[in-house]
Every structure is written in structure tokens, then in C-alpha cells.
């Protein structure tokens, strides 16, 4: 069972999210909060698997709440939900440690799938969000022929996997691209996260662009 906390300053929004998730057999809403500080405290007390995190809340905003949750070493994944399709929020949410970013305008059926995705440790990034993250907000060094020092510990194959991760490929898609099994890809991903001391795939995506391992054009080929 995936345990979820809903953090949003609007009661109607919380109620709507609750109703959608309550109909799922594998998801349980264990708490709700309307304040950033309360969200951090509730996560520390309940240890949910996922927090649906609004950005604009009283107390501290959702970005700062996310930073504090991650800084405390919590295993809780943060799925940022907002009505604001603004580039700054996308980048800052990822940098804060969020595992996914979903607009509140998304169809209701996508909410439960999004919760399952981040609970499983995957990054939830729409192609349009990946594009903006790469083109406008990741200040990376110019690409060069050498491997960025931060990635020295990775093997050549692990760097290949990381490049595909940064293009928002799933394990199945990476396996097809590299002609290996999904189990092999999963092992590579786990080793990448361990070697680089990363929390999840979302952090791996950010690092890949920040170090210059991936060029912006490569992130756009997947979604045409």
C-alpha cells in the first residue's frame, strides 16, 4: 500500500485529490495539511511514501518544505503539484529534491499513476518539462571530450544508461536502446545512484545536465 500525504492550502483541492486517490486499491491517504511547516512535521511523524506538494502555501512554500524533508534524510518522495506552469518552479523543485512535477491541469487519471511512479523511485517529467529544464535553467559547462570529474566512478555503460535516463527513458526503453534486459538496466541504475550518492532518478537527470554529460539536443529527440 502506498501511503500519501496531501499538502495544499485549498481545502477543495485537497478534497479532490483525496477523492481521486481513495478509489485506488493500492493507495491510502494518511494525512492532509495546508501549511508548509505543518507538512514537514507531518511527514516526520507519519513517514508517508509520497507527498503531493503544492508550491504556494503559508508558512514556508512547497519548495522549502521539500528541501527540509530531503535534508532530514526522509525516504518520502515528493510529487510537486501546481497550477503554475513556470520554468523557475520546475528547476527549483528538481533541485530541492522533488521526484516529480505535475500540473494540476493534468487529467485526474494521471494523478494515481504519478503517485505510483514516484513511489517506485522513478522520475516523473513530461517531455515539455524536460525540454525547459535543459534549455533554460540548467547552467552546465560546455560539453567536452572528457568525462566530467563528478562521473569518474561510472563505467562507460553506466554513463550510457545515465544519458538515456536524462532523456526520460524508462527502464524498458533503455533496455531496448542498449539491447540488454530490463533487469540489467535496473542494476545499472542502482549502481549509478549508489556511486554518485543520488536519491533517485530525478537527481540523476539534473546531474547529467549540470555536468554537461548530456547536450540539450539529445533530450529533445525522444519526444520529436
C-alpha atoms as a PDB file:
ATOM      1  CA  UNK A   1       0.000   0.000   0.000  1.00  0.00           C
ATOM      2  CA  UNK A   2       1.339   3.439  -0.983  1.00  0.00           C
ATOM      3  CA  UNK A   3       0.809   5.912   1.860  1.00  0.00           C
ATOM      4  CA  UNK A   4       0.210   9.508   0.771  1.00  0.00           C
ATOM      5  CA  UNK A   5       0.067  12.927   2.437  1.00  0.00           C
ATOM      6  CA  UNK A   6      -1.686  15.759   0.577  1.00  0.00           C
ATOM      7  CA  UNK A   7      -0.248  19.248   1.121  1.00  0.00           C
ATOM      8  CA  UNK A   8      -2.259  22.091  -0.412  1.00  0.00           C
ATOM      9  CA  UNK A   9      -3.630  25.319   1.029  1.00  0.00           C
ATOM     10  CA  UNK A  10      -7.014  24.914  -0.695  1.00  0.00           C
ATOM     11  CA  UNK A  11      -9.476  22.590   1.009  1.00  0.00           C
ATOM     12  CA  UNK A  12     -11.377  21.904  -2.213  1.00  0.00           C
ATOM     13  CA  UNK A  13      -8.181  20.864  -3.970  1.00  0.00           C
ATOM     14  CA  UNK A  14      -7.203  18.565  -1.108  1.00  0.00           C
ATOM     15  CA  UNK A  15     -10.667  17.049  -1.161  1.00  0.00           C
ATOM     16  CA  UNK A  16     -10.496  16.475  -4.887  1.00  0.00           C
ATOM     17  CA  UNK A  17      -7.120  14.766  -4.685  1.00  0.00           C
ATOM     18  CA  UNK A  18      -8.321  12.686  -1.745  1.00  0.00           C
ATOM     19  CA  UNK A  19     -11.401  11.518  -3.649  1.00  0.00           C
ATOM     20  CA  UNK A  20      -9.348  10.518  -6.683  1.00  0.00           C
ATOM     21  CA  UNK A  21      -6.801   8.558  -4.648  1.00  0.00           C
ATOM     22  CA  UNK A  22      -9.362   6.986  -2.304  1.00  0.00           C
ATOM     23  CA  UNK A  23     -10.689   4.981  -5.222  1.00  0.00           C
ATOM     24  CA  UNK A  24      -7.348   3.238  -5.741  1.00  0.00           C
ATOM     25  CA  UNK A  25      -6.824  -0.176  -4.165  1.00  0.00           C
ATOM     26  CA  UNK A  26      -3.086   0.330  -3.694  1.00  0.00           C
ATOM     27  CA  UNK A  27      -3.088   3.939  -2.370  1.00  0.00           C
ATOM     28  CA  UNK A  28      -4.055   5.248   1.075  1.00  0.00           C
ATOM     29  CA  UNK A  29      -4.268   8.939   2.039  1.00  0.00           C
ATOM     30  CA  UNK A  30      -2.889   9.083   5.585  1.00  0.00           C
ATOM     31  CA  UNK A  31      -2.870  12.832   6.155  1.00  0.00           C
ATOM     32  CA  UNK A  32      -3.650  16.307   4.832  1.00  0.00           C
ATOM     33  CA  UNK A  33      -2.100  19.701   5.548  1.00  0.00           C
ATOM     34  CA  UNK A  34      -2.482  23.292   4.335  1.00  0.00           C
ATOM     35  CA  UNK A  35       0.793  24.738   5.624  1.00  0.00           C
ATOM     36  CA  UNK A  36       4.422  24.180   4.649  1.00  0.00           C
ATOM     37  CA  UNK A  37       5.750  23.892   8.200  1.00  0.00           C
ATOM     38  CA  UNK A  38       2.950  21.500   9.128  1.00  0.00           C
ATOM     39  CA  UNK A  39       3.779  19.402   6.072  1.00  0.00           C
ATOM     40  CA  UNK A  40       7.366  18.902   7.203  1.00  0.00           C
ATOM     41  CA  UNK A  41       6.185  17.943  10.698  1.00  0.00           C
ATOM     42  CA  UNK A  42       3.513  15.587   9.367  1.00  0.00           C
ATOM     43  CA  UNK A  43       5.992  13.804   7.117  1.00  0.00           C
ATOM     44  CA  UNK A  44       8.384  13.354  10.025  1.00  0.00           C
ATOM     45  CA  UNK A  45       5.596  11.892  12.142  1.00  0.00           C
ATOM     46  CA  UNK A  46       3.809   9.686   9.573  1.00  0.00           C
ATOM     47  CA  UNK A  47       6.662   8.719   7.203  1.00  0.00           C
ATOM     48  CA  UNK A  48       4.442   8.503   4.101  1.00  0.00           C
ATOM     49  CA  UNK A  49       5.721   7.093   0.834  1.00  0.00           C
ATOM     50  CA  UNK A  50       4.684  10.142  -1.184  1.00  0.00           C
ATOM     51  CA  UNK A  51       3.756  13.771  -0.511  1.00  0.00           C
ATOM     52  CA  UNK A  52       1.604  15.627  -3.023  1.00  0.00           C
ATOM     53  CA  UNK A  53       3.212  19.035  -2.543  1.00  0.00           C
ATOM     54  CA  UNK A  54       1.672  22.341  -3.557  1.00  0.00           C
ATOM     55  CA  UNK A  55       4.182  25.138  -4.153  1.00  0.00           C
ATOM     56  CA  UNK A  56       2.361  28.176  -2.808  1.00  0.00           C
ATOM     57  CA  UNK A  57       1.423  27.592   0.821  1.00  0.00           C
ATOM     58  CA  UNK A  58       1.523  29.668   4.028  1.00  0.00           C
ATOM     59  CA  UNK A  59       4.370  29.244   6.487  1.00  0.00           C
ATOM     60  CA  UNK A  60       7.056  28.023   4.118  1.00  0.00           C
ATOM     61  CA  UNK A  61       6.350  27.251   0.480  1.00  0.00           C
ATOM     62  CA  UNK A  62       6.392  23.784  -1.021  1.00  0.00           C
ATOM     63  CA  UNK A  63       9.904  24.152  -2.392  1.00  0.00           C
ATOM     64  CA  UNK A  64      11.374  24.917   1.028  1.00  0.00           C
ATOM     65  CA  UNK A  65       9.274  22.172   2.604  1.00  0.00           C
ATOM     66  CA  UNK A  66      10.698  19.759   0.033  1.00  0.00           C
ATOM     67  CA  UNK A  67      14.255  20.852   0.826  1.00  0.00           C
ATOM     68  CA  UNK A  68      13.715  20.281   4.546  1.00  0.00           C
ATOM     69  CA  UNK A  69      12.120  16.870   4.051  1.00  0.00           C
ATOM     70  CA  UNK A  70      15.008  15.718   1.841  1.00  0.00           C
ATOM     71  CA  UNK A  71      17.639  17.279   4.131  1.00  0.00           C
ATOM     72  CA  UNK A  72      16.334  15.239   7.065  1.00  0.00           C
ATOM     73  CA  UNK A  73      17.064  12.045   5.206  1.00  0.00           C
ATOM     74  CA  UNK A  74      13.428  11.098   4.771  1.00  0.00           C
ATOM     75  CA  UNK A  75      12.612   8.285   2.364  1.00  0.00           C
ATOM     76  CA  UNK A  76       9.402  10.089   1.420  1.00  0.00           C
ATOM     77  CA  UNK A  77       9.159  11.017  -2.260  1.00  0.00           C
ATOM     78  CA  UNK A  78       7.829  14.437  -3.183  1.00  0.00           C
ATOM     79  CA  UNK A  79       5.487  14.946  -6.125  1.00  0.00           C
ATOM     80  CA  UNK A  80       5.101  18.668  -6.751  1.00  0.00           C
ATOM     81  CA  UNK A  81       1.665  19.773  -7.928  1.00  0.00           C
ATOM     82  CA  UNK A  82       0.966  23.287  -9.096  1.00  0.00           C
ATOM     83  CA  UNK A  83      -1.238  25.394 -11.353  1.00  0.00           C
ATOM     84  CA  UNK A  84       1.803  27.418 -12.292  1.00  0.00           C
ATOM     85  CA  UNK A  85       3.491  26.139 -15.458  1.00  0.00           C
ATOM     86  CA  UNK A  86       6.527  28.302 -14.745  1.00  0.00           C
ATOM     87  CA  UNK A  87      10.093  27.271 -15.582  1.00  0.00           C
ATOM     88  CA  UNK A  88      11.588  28.510 -12.315  1.00  0.00           C
ATOM     89  CA  UNK A  89       9.363  26.193 -10.327  1.00  0.00           C
ATOM     90  CA  UNK A  90      10.294  23.166 -12.439  1.00  0.00           C
ATOM     91  CA  UNK A  91      14.009  23.681 -11.949  1.00  0.00           C
ATOM     92  CA  UNK A  92      13.803  24.665  -8.284  1.00  0.00           C
ATOM     93  CA  UNK A  93      11.533  21.712  -7.491  1.00  0.00           C
ATOM     94  CA  UNK A  94      14.031  19.313  -9.035  1.00  0.00           C
ATOM     95  CA  UNK A  95      16.963  20.965  -7.281  1.00  0.00           C
ATOM     96  CA  UNK A  96      15.082  20.833  -3.980  1.00  0.00           C
ATOM     97  CA  UNK A  97      14.851  17.050  -4.312  1.00  0.00           C
ATOM     98  CA  UNK A  98      11.383  16.506  -5.742  1.00  0.00           C
ATOM     99  CA  UNK A  99      10.920  13.237  -7.602  1.00  0.00           C
ATOM    100  CA  UNK A 100       8.257  14.546  -9.939  1.00  0.00           C
ATOM    101  CA  UNK A 101       6.398  17.580 -11.193  1.00  0.00           C
ATOM    102  CA  UNK A 102       2.749  17.519 -12.294  1.00  0.00           C
ATOM    103  CA  UNK A 103       0.434  20.353 -13.248  1.00  0.00           C
ATOM    104  CA  UNK A 104      -2.964  20.451 -11.542  1.00  0.00           C
ATOM    105  CA  UNK A 105      -4.472  20.729 -15.016  1.00  0.00           C
ATOM    106  CA  UNK A 106      -3.453  17.125 -15.733  1.00  0.00           C
ATOM    107  CA  UNK A 107      -6.346  14.651 -16.171  1.00  0.00           C
ATOM    108  CA  UNK A 108      -7.444  13.019 -12.876  1.00  0.00           C
ATOM    109  CA  UNK A 109      -6.469   9.549 -14.095  1.00  0.00           C
ATOM    110  CA  UNK A 110      -2.843  10.680 -14.254  1.00  0.00           C
ATOM    111  CA  UNK A 111      -2.668  11.519 -10.550  1.00  0.00           C
ATOM    112  CA  UNK A 112      -2.709   7.931  -9.264  1.00  0.00           C
ATOM    113  CA  UNK A 113      -0.223   6.862 -11.937  1.00  0.00           C
ATOM    114  CA  UNK A 114       2.038   9.763 -10.951  1.00  0.00           C
ATOM    115  CA  UNK A 115       1.936   8.678  -7.303  1.00  0.00           C
ATOM    116  CA  UNK A 116       2.852   5.126  -8.273  1.00  0.00           C
ATOM    117  CA  UNK A 117       5.678   6.343 -10.489  1.00  0.00           C
ATOM    118  CA  UNK A 118       7.461   8.411  -7.852  1.00  0.00           C
ATOM    119  CA  UNK A 119       6.765   5.832  -5.122  1.00  0.00           C
ATOM    120  CA  UNK A 120       8.642   3.310  -7.258  1.00  0.00           C
ATOM    121  CA  UNK A 121      11.657   5.628  -7.377  1.00  0.00           C
ATOM    122  CA  UNK A 122      11.177   6.824 -10.935  1.00  0.00           C
ATOM    123  CA  UNK A 123      11.282  10.445 -12.047  1.00  0.00           C
ATOM    124  CA  UNK A 124       8.074  11.964 -13.372  1.00  0.00           C
ATOM    125  CA  UNK A 125       8.924  14.529 -16.020  1.00  0.00           C
ATOM    126  CA  UNK A 126       6.807  15.301 -19.063  1.00  0.00           C
ATOM    127  CA  UNK A 127       8.852  15.847 -22.254  1.00  0.00           C
ATOM    128  CA  UNK A 128       7.920  19.547 -22.263  1.00  0.00           C
ATOM    129  CA  UNK A 129       9.207  19.918 -18.703  1.00  0.00           C
ATOM    130  CA  UNK A 130      12.431  18.101 -19.586  1.00  0.00           C
ATOM    131  CA  UNK A 131      12.903  20.438 -22.535  1.00  0.00           C
ATOM    132  CA  UNK A 132      12.605  23.579 -20.416  1.00  0.00           C
ATOM    133  CA  UNK A 133      14.780  22.122 -17.682  1.00  0.00           C
ATOM    134  CA  UNK A 134      17.549  21.526 -20.161  1.00  0.00           C
ATOM    135  CA  UNK A 135      17.290  24.553 -22.438  1.00  0.00           C
ATOM    136  CA  UNK A 136      16.632  27.329 -19.972  1.00  0.00           C
ATOM    137  CA  UNK A 137      17.588  26.527 -16.419  1.00  0.00           C
ATOM    138  CA  UNK A 138      20.446  24.075 -16.129  1.00  0.00           C
ATOM    139  CA  UNK A 139      23.652  26.094 -16.160  1.00  0.00           C
ATOM    140  CA  UNK A 140      26.091  23.454 -17.300  1.00  0.00           C
ATOM    141  CA  UNK A 141      29.663  23.737 -18.588  1.00  0.00           C
ATOM    142  CA  UNK A 142      30.263  23.451 -22.351  1.00  0.00           C
ATOM    143  CA  UNK A 143      30.372  19.805 -23.437  1.00  0.00           C
ATOM    144  CA  UNK A 144      33.874  18.436 -23.876  1.00  0.00           C
ATOM    145  CA  UNK A 145      35.623  15.252 -24.862  1.00  0.00           C
ATOM    146  CA  UNK A 146      36.453  14.254 -21.290  1.00  0.00           C
ATOM    147  CA  UNK A 147      34.164  12.751 -18.686  1.00  0.00           C
ATOM    148  CA  UNK A 148      33.095  15.284 -16.025  1.00  0.00           C
ATOM    149  CA  UNK A 149      35.045  14.617 -12.779  1.00  0.00           C
ATOM    150  CA  UNK A 150      31.789  14.032 -10.889  1.00  0.00           C
ATOM    151  CA  UNK A 151      31.153  10.999 -13.095  1.00  0.00           C
ATOM    152  CA  UNK A 152      34.618   9.429 -12.944  1.00  0.00           C
ATOM    153  CA  UNK A 153      33.360   6.476 -10.923  1.00  0.00           C
ATOM    154  CA  UNK A 154      30.907   5.384 -13.611  1.00  0.00           C
ATOM    155  CA  UNK A 155      31.743   2.805 -16.268  1.00  0.00           C
ATOM    156  CA  UNK A 156      31.183   3.642 -19.925  1.00  0.00           C
ATOM    157  CA  UNK A 157      27.991   1.568 -19.967  1.00  0.00           C
ATOM    158  CA  UNK A 158      26.719   3.276 -16.817  1.00  0.00           C
ATOM    159  CA  UNK A 159      27.281   6.647 -18.468  1.00  0.00           C
ATOM    160  CA  UNK A 160      25.293   5.415 -21.465  1.00  0.00           C
ATOM    161  CA  UNK A 161      22.452   4.495 -19.134  1.00  0.00           C
ATOM    162  CA  UNK A 162      22.653   7.869 -17.401  1.00  0.00           C
ATOM    163  CA  UNK A 163      22.434   9.669 -20.748  1.00  0.00           C
ATOM    164  CA  UNK A 164      19.232   7.790 -21.557  1.00  0.00           C
ATOM    165  CA  UNK A 165      17.863   8.438 -18.073  1.00  0.00           C
ATOM    166  CA  UNK A 166      18.377  12.132 -18.729  1.00  0.00           C
ATOM    167  CA  UNK A 167      16.208  11.806 -21.820  1.00  0.00           C
ATOM    168  CA  UNK A 168      13.419  10.476 -19.533  1.00  0.00           C
ATOM    169  CA  UNK A 169      13.632   6.931 -20.919  1.00  0.00           C
ATOM    170  CA  UNK A 170      12.004   4.169 -18.877  1.00  0.00           C
ATOM    171  CA  UNK A 171      13.936   1.019 -17.974  1.00  0.00           C
ATOM    172  CA  UNK A 172      12.175  -0.834 -20.791  1.00  0.00           C
ATOM    173  CA  UNK A 173      13.141   1.844 -23.314  1.00  0.00           C
ATOM    174  CA  UNK A 174      16.740   1.889 -22.118  1.00  0.00           C
ATOM    175  CA  UNK A 175      16.872  -1.901 -22.405  1.00  0.00           C
ATOM    176  CA  UNK A 176      15.601  -1.735 -25.987  1.00  0.00           C
ATOM    177  CA  UNK A 177      18.059   1.029 -26.893  1.00  0.00           C
ATOM    178  CA  UNK A 178      21.080  -0.818 -25.454  1.00  0.00           C
ATOM    179  CA  UNK A 179      19.848  -4.317 -26.361  1.00  0.00           C
ATOM    180  CA  UNK A 180      20.018  -5.649 -22.798  1.00  0.00           C
ATOM    181  CA  UNK A 181      17.465  -6.937 -20.310  1.00  0.00           C
ATOM    182  CA  UNK A 182      15.405  -4.695 -18.059  1.00  0.00           C
ATOM    183  CA  UNK A 183      16.996  -6.431 -15.055  1.00  0.00           C
ATOM    184  CA  UNK A 184      20.419  -5.380 -16.325  1.00  0.00           C
ATOM    185  CA  UNK A 185      19.233  -1.796 -16.743  1.00  0.00           C
ATOM    186  CA  UNK A 186      17.805  -1.781 -13.231  1.00  0.00           C
ATOM    187  CA  UNK A 187      21.161  -2.971 -11.876  1.00  0.00           C
ATOM    188  CA  UNK A 188      22.981  -0.230 -13.796  1.00  0.00           C
ATOM    189  CA  UNK A 189      20.587   2.423 -12.472  1.00  0.00           C
ATOM    190  CA  UNK A 190      21.015   1.241  -8.899  1.00  0.00           C
ATOM    191  CA  UNK A 191      24.815   1.314  -9.241  1.00  0.00           C
ATOM    192  CA  UNK A 192      24.681   4.826 -10.729  1.00  0.00           C
ATOM    193  CA  UNK A 193      22.608   6.126  -7.830  1.00  0.00           C
ATOM    194  CA  UNK A 194      24.858   4.417  -5.282  1.00  0.00           C
ATOM    195  CA  UNK A 195      28.157   5.553  -6.824  1.00  0.00           C
ATOM    196  CA  UNK A 196      27.004   9.162  -7.181  1.00  0.00           C
ATOM    197  CA  UNK A 197      25.168   9.253  -3.818  1.00  0.00           C
ATOM    198  CA  UNK A 198      21.921  10.258  -5.516  1.00  0.00           C
ATOM    199  CA  UNK A 199      18.464   9.903  -4.038  1.00  0.00           C
ATOM    200  CA  UNK A 200      16.630   8.862  -7.201  1.00  0.00           C
ATOM    201  CA  UNK A 201      16.392   9.148 -10.973  1.00  0.00           C
ATOM    202  CA  UNK A 202      15.253  12.765 -10.779  1.00  0.00           C
ATOM    203  CA  UNK A 203      18.545  13.798  -9.169  1.00  0.00           C
ATOM    204  CA  UNK A 204      20.416  11.725 -11.742  1.00  0.00           C
ATOM    205  CA  UNK A 205      18.704  13.674 -14.538  1.00  0.00           C
ATOM    206  CA  UNK A 206      19.686  17.020 -13.029  1.00  0.00           C
ATOM    207  CA  UNK A 207      23.300  15.894 -12.521  1.00  0.00           C
ATOM    208  CA  UNK A 208      23.583  14.638 -16.089  1.00  0.00           C
ATOM    209  CA  UNK A 209      22.750  18.062 -17.468  1.00  0.00           C
ATOM    210  CA  UNK A 210      24.659  20.073 -14.896  1.00  0.00           C
ATOM    211  CA  UNK A 211      27.875  18.174 -15.572  1.00  0.00           C
ATOM    212  CA  UNK A 212      27.481  18.508 -19.327  1.00  0.00           C
ATOM    213  CA  UNK A 213      27.232  14.734 -19.862  1.00  0.00           C
ATOM    214  CA  UNK A 214      24.098  15.346 -21.914  1.00  0.00           C
ATOM    215  CA  UNK A 215      23.632  18.059 -24.500  1.00  0.00           C
ATOM    216  CA  UNK A 216      20.217  19.771 -24.815  1.00  0.00           C
ATOM    217  CA  UNK A 217      19.589  18.434 -28.310  1.00  0.00           C
ATOM    218  CA  UNK A 218      19.784  14.851 -27.094  1.00  0.00           C
ATOM    219  CA  UNK A 219      16.924  15.439 -24.668  1.00  0.00           C
ATOM    220  CA  UNK A 220      14.601  16.571 -27.455  1.00  0.00           C
ATOM    221  CA  UNK A 221      14.929  13.643 -29.840  1.00  0.00           C
ATOM    222  CA  UNK A 222      12.713  11.341 -27.817  1.00  0.00           C
ATOM    223  CA  UNK A 223       9.568  13.475 -27.989  1.00  0.00           C
ATOM    224  CA  UNK A 224      10.157  14.633 -31.541  1.00  0.00           C
END
